[in-house]
Amino acid sequence: MEFEFMTIDTPLPPCMPLPRAALRLPISSTAKVMYSRLLDAALTAGVEDANRILFVRFPIMELSATLSRSPMTVKRSLNELEHAGLIMRVRQGVGEPNHIYTLIPGKEDSAHE
């Protein structure tokens, strides 16, 4: 693997955002990486709903391939994120992927950074 040392002028390769508050949440590492990927997708390719709120459509199999995880692991991580209040899934019709809204942790969640 080729590498280079980082200097103050080194441009970063494409990166995904991850709020610091998410690091302290009691969720799995897979869920944290998934949250970062969903947040990135919302920022780069999100679709606005009628209220101008961004959401993504990310089918389970596509998310599974993107993260190199099984569909069951993806479903479990989505449940973790939903229970942690980091995403909201809105069910669509049969055979349609859910609309996934990526929620941002509140200021009170990041007060101790």
C-alpha atoms as a PDB file:
ATOM      1  CA  MET A   1       0.000   0.000   0.000  1.00  0.00           C
ATOM      2  CA  GLU A   2       1.310   3.408  -0.929  1.00  0.00           C
ATOM      3  CA  PHE A   3       1.083   6.278   1.558  1.00  0.00           C
ATOM      4  CA  GLU A   4       2.299   9.781   2.143  1.00  0.00           C
ATOM      5  CA  PHE A   5       2.829  11.728   5.330  1.00  0.00           C
ATOM      6  CA  MET A   6       0.335  14.452   6.070  1.00  0.00           C
ATOM      7  CA  THR A   7       1.433  18.079   6.122  1.00  0.00           C
ATOM      8  CA  ILE A   8      -0.576  21.236   6.682  1.00  0.00           C
ATOM      9  CA  ASP A   9      -1.030  21.551   2.887  1.00  0.00           C
ATOM     10  CA  THR A  10      -1.946  17.927   2.175  1.00  0.00           C
ATOM     11  CA  PRO A  11      -5.305  17.705   0.412  1.00  0.00           C
ATOM     12  CA  LEU A  12      -7.526  15.031   1.901  1.00  0.00           C
ATOM     13  CA  PRO A  13      -9.042  12.328  -0.267  1.00  0.00           C
ATOM     14  CA  PRO A  14     -12.857  12.247  -0.374  1.00  0.00           C
ATOM     15  CA  CYS A  15     -14.125  11.774   3.186  1.00  0.00           C
ATOM     16  CA  MET A  16     -17.430  11.116   4.903  1.00  0.00           C
ATOM     17  CA  PRO A  17     -18.661  13.289   7.782  1.00  0.00           C
ATOM     18  CA  LEU A  18     -19.187  11.853  11.258  1.00  0.00           C
ATOM     19  CA  PRO A  19     -20.340  14.144  14.078  1.00  0.00           C
ATOM     20  CA  ARG A  20     -18.170  13.734  17.183  1.00  0.00           C
ATOM     21  CA  ALA A  21     -21.302  13.198  19.273  1.00  0.00           C
ATOM     22  CA  ALA A  22     -21.962   9.988  17.319  1.00  0.00           C
ATOM     23  CA  LEU A  23     -18.683   8.510  18.569  1.00  0.00           C
ATOM     24  CA  ARG A  24     -19.944   8.433  22.153  1.00  0.00           C
ATOM     25  CA  LEU A  25     -23.283   6.814  21.392  1.00  0.00           C
ATOM     26  CA  PRO A  26     -23.787   3.219  22.565  1.00  0.00           C
ATOM     27  CA  ILE A  27     -24.135   1.838  19.036  1.00  0.00           C
ATOM     28  CA  SER A  28     -21.956  -0.557  17.080  1.00  0.00           C
ATOM     29  CA  SER A  29     -19.043   0.550  14.938  1.00  0.00           C
ATOM     30  CA  THR A  30     -20.933  -0.701  11.891  1.00  0.00           C
ATOM     31  CA  ALA A  31     -23.863   1.568  12.775  1.00  0.00           C
ATOM     32  CA  LYS A  32     -21.487   4.537  13.138  1.00  0.00           C
ATOM     33  CA  VAL A  33     -19.936   3.894   9.719  1.00  0.00           C
ATOM     34  CA  MET A  34     -23.419   3.442   8.252  1.00  0.00           C
ATOM     35  CA  TYR A  35     -24.540   6.748   9.782  1.00  0.00           C
ATOM     36  CA  SER A  36     -21.542   8.470   8.235  1.00  0.00           C
ATOM     37  CA  ARG A  37     -22.366   6.913   4.841  1.00  0.00           C
ATOM     38  CA  LEU A  38     -26.038   7.922   5.071  1.00  0.00           C
ATOM     39  CA  LEU A  39     -25.101  11.464   6.086  1.00  0.00           C
ATOM     40  CA  ASP A  40     -22.696  11.659   3.151  1.00  0.00           C
ATOM     41  CA  ALA A  41     -25.378  10.376   0.769  1.00  0.00           C
ATOM     42  CA  ALA A  42     -27.874  12.949   2.056  1.00  0.00           C
ATOM     43  CA  LEU A  43     -25.363  15.766   1.554  1.00  0.00           C
ATOM     44  CA  THR A  44     -24.245  14.677  -1.923  1.00  0.00           C
ATOM     45  CA  ALA A  45     -27.309  13.034  -3.464  1.00  0.00           C
ATOM     46  CA  GLY A  46     -30.199  13.689  -1.113  1.00  0.00           C
ATOM     47  CA  VAL A  47     -33.695  14.350  -2.425  1.00  0.00           C
ATOM     48  CA  GLU A  48     -35.872  17.097  -0.950  1.00  0.00           C
ATOM     49  CA  ASP A  49     -39.337  16.192   0.275  1.00  0.00           C
ATOM     50  CA  ALA A  50     -42.319  18.590   0.210  1.00  0.00           C
ATOM     51  CA  ASN A  51     -40.917  20.326   3.332  1.00  0.00           C
ATOM     52  CA  ARG A  52     -37.452  20.746   1.730  1.00  0.00           C
ATOM     53  CA  ILE A  53     -35.975  18.156   4.119  1.00  0.00           C
ATOM     54  CA  LEU A  54     -33.339  15.878   2.599  1.00  0.00           C
ATOM     55  CA  PHE A  55     -33.762  12.108   2.497  1.00  0.00           C
ATOM     56  CA  VAL A  56     -32.106   9.230   0.670  1.00  0.00           C
ATOM     57  CA  ARG A  57     -33.351   6.012  -0.837  1.00  0.00           C
ATOM     58  CA  PHE A  58     -30.795   3.331  -0.029  1.00  0.00           C
ATOM     59  CA  PRO A  59     -32.042  -0.232  -0.651  1.00  0.00           C
ATOM     60  CA  ILE A  60     -30.814  -2.821   1.870  1.00  0.00           C
ATOM     61  CA  MET A  61     -28.883  -4.798  -0.750  1.00  0.00           C
ATOM     62  CA  GLU A  62     -27.134  -1.674  -2.052  1.00  0.00           C
ATOM     63  CA  LEU A  63     -26.243  -0.528   1.465  1.00  0.00           C
ATOM     64  CA  SER A  64     -25.047  -4.049   2.213  1.00  0.00           C
ATOM     65  CA  ALA A  65     -22.729  -4.006  -0.814  1.00  0.00           C
ATOM     66  CA  THR A  66     -21.498  -0.474  -0.037  1.00  0.00           C
ATOM     67  CA  LEU A  67     -20.529  -1.404   3.525  1.00  0.00           C
ATOM     68  CA  SER A  68     -19.421  -4.985   2.757  1.00  0.00           C
ATOM     69  CA  ARG A  69     -21.831  -6.303   5.392  1.00  0.00           C
ATOM     70  CA  SER A  70     -24.620  -8.855   5.256  1.00  0.00           C
ATOM     71  CA  PRO A  71     -28.211  -7.676   4.732  1.00  0.00           C
ATOM     72  CA  MET A  72     -29.009  -8.869   8.284  1.00  0.00           C
ATOM     73  CA  THR A  73     -26.179  -6.748   9.731  1.00  0.00           C
ATOM     74  CA  VAL A  74     -27.404  -3.754   7.716  1.00  0.00           C
ATOM     75  CA  LYS A  75     -30.953  -4.209   9.033  1.00  0.00           C
ATOM     76  CA  ARG A  76     -29.661  -4.521  12.603  1.00  0.00           C
ATOM     77  CA  SER A  77     -27.541  -1.363  12.211  1.00  0.00           C
ATOM     78  CA  LEU A  78     -30.464   0.573  10.723  1.00  0.00           C
ATOM     79  CA  ASN A  79     -32.523  -0.423  13.764  1.00  0.00           C
ATOM     80  CA  GLU A  80     -29.709   0.749  16.063  1.00  0.00           C
ATOM     81  CA  LEU A  81     -29.555   4.119  14.305  1.00  0.00           C
ATOM     82  CA  GLU A  82     -33.310   4.526  14.455  1.00  0.00           C
ATOM     83  CA  HIS A  83     -33.440   3.690  18.171  1.00  0.00           C
ATOM     84  CA  ALA A  84     -30.536   6.106  18.824  1.00  0.00           C
ATOM     85  CA  GLY A  85     -32.495   8.892  17.109  1.00  0.00           C
ATOM     86  CA  LEU A  86     -29.980   9.322  14.276  1.00  0.00           C
ATOM     87  CA  ILE A  87     -32.255   8.321  11.401  1.00  0.00           C
ATOM     88  CA  MET A  88     -35.941   8.161  10.655  1.00  0.00           C
ATOM     89  CA  ARG A  89     -37.257   5.679   8.098  1.00  0.00           C
ATOM     90  CA  VAL A  90     -40.505   6.362   6.282  1.00  0.00           C
ATOM     91  CA  ARG A  91     -41.980   3.252   4.735  1.00  0.00           C
ATOM     92  CA  GLN A  92     -42.976   3.410   1.078  1.00  0.00           C
ATOM     93  CA  GLY A  93     -44.996   1.034  -1.072  1.00  0.00           C
ATOM     94  CA  VAL A  94     -44.316  -2.688  -1.414  1.00  0.00           C
ATOM     95  CA  GLY A  95     -40.966  -3.270  -3.092  1.00  0.00           C
ATOM     96  CA  GLU A  96     -39.955   0.391  -2.733  1.00  0.00           C
ATOM     97  CA  PRO A  97     -36.973   1.422  -0.588  1.00  0.00           C
ATOM     98  CA  ASN A  98     -37.717   3.453   2.530  1.00  0.00           C
ATOM     99  CA  HIS A  99     -37.040   7.163   2.627  1.00  0.00           C
ATOM    100  CA  ILE A 100     -34.233   7.538   5.158  1.00  0.00           C
ATOM    101  CA  TYR A 101     -33.924  10.900   6.885  1.00  0.00           C
ATOM    102  CA  THR A 102     -30.549  11.436   8.521  1.00  0.00           C
ATOM    103  CA  LEU A 103     -31.006  13.348  11.767  1.00  0.00           C
ATOM    104  CA  ILE A 104     -28.287  15.546  13.246  1.00  0.00           C
ATOM    105  CA  PRO A 105     -27.452  15.165  16.966  1.00  0.00           C
ATOM    106  CA  GLY A 106     -28.616  18.226  18.936  1.00  0.00           C
ATOM    107  CA  LYS A 107     -26.307  20.754  20.553  1.00  0.00           C
ATOM    108  CA  GLU A 108     -26.994  19.269  23.962  1.00  0.00           C
ATOM    109  CA  ASP A 109     -25.659  15.937  22.614  1.00  0.00           C
ATOM    110  CA  SER A 110     -22.341  17.539  21.646  1.00  0.00           C
ATOM    111  CA  ALA A 111     -21.865  19.852  24.631  1.00  0.00           C
ATOM    112  CA  HIS A 112     -19.030  17.760  26.116  1.00  0.00           C
ATOM    113  CA  GLU A 113     -16.817  17.491  23.023  1.00  0.00           C
END
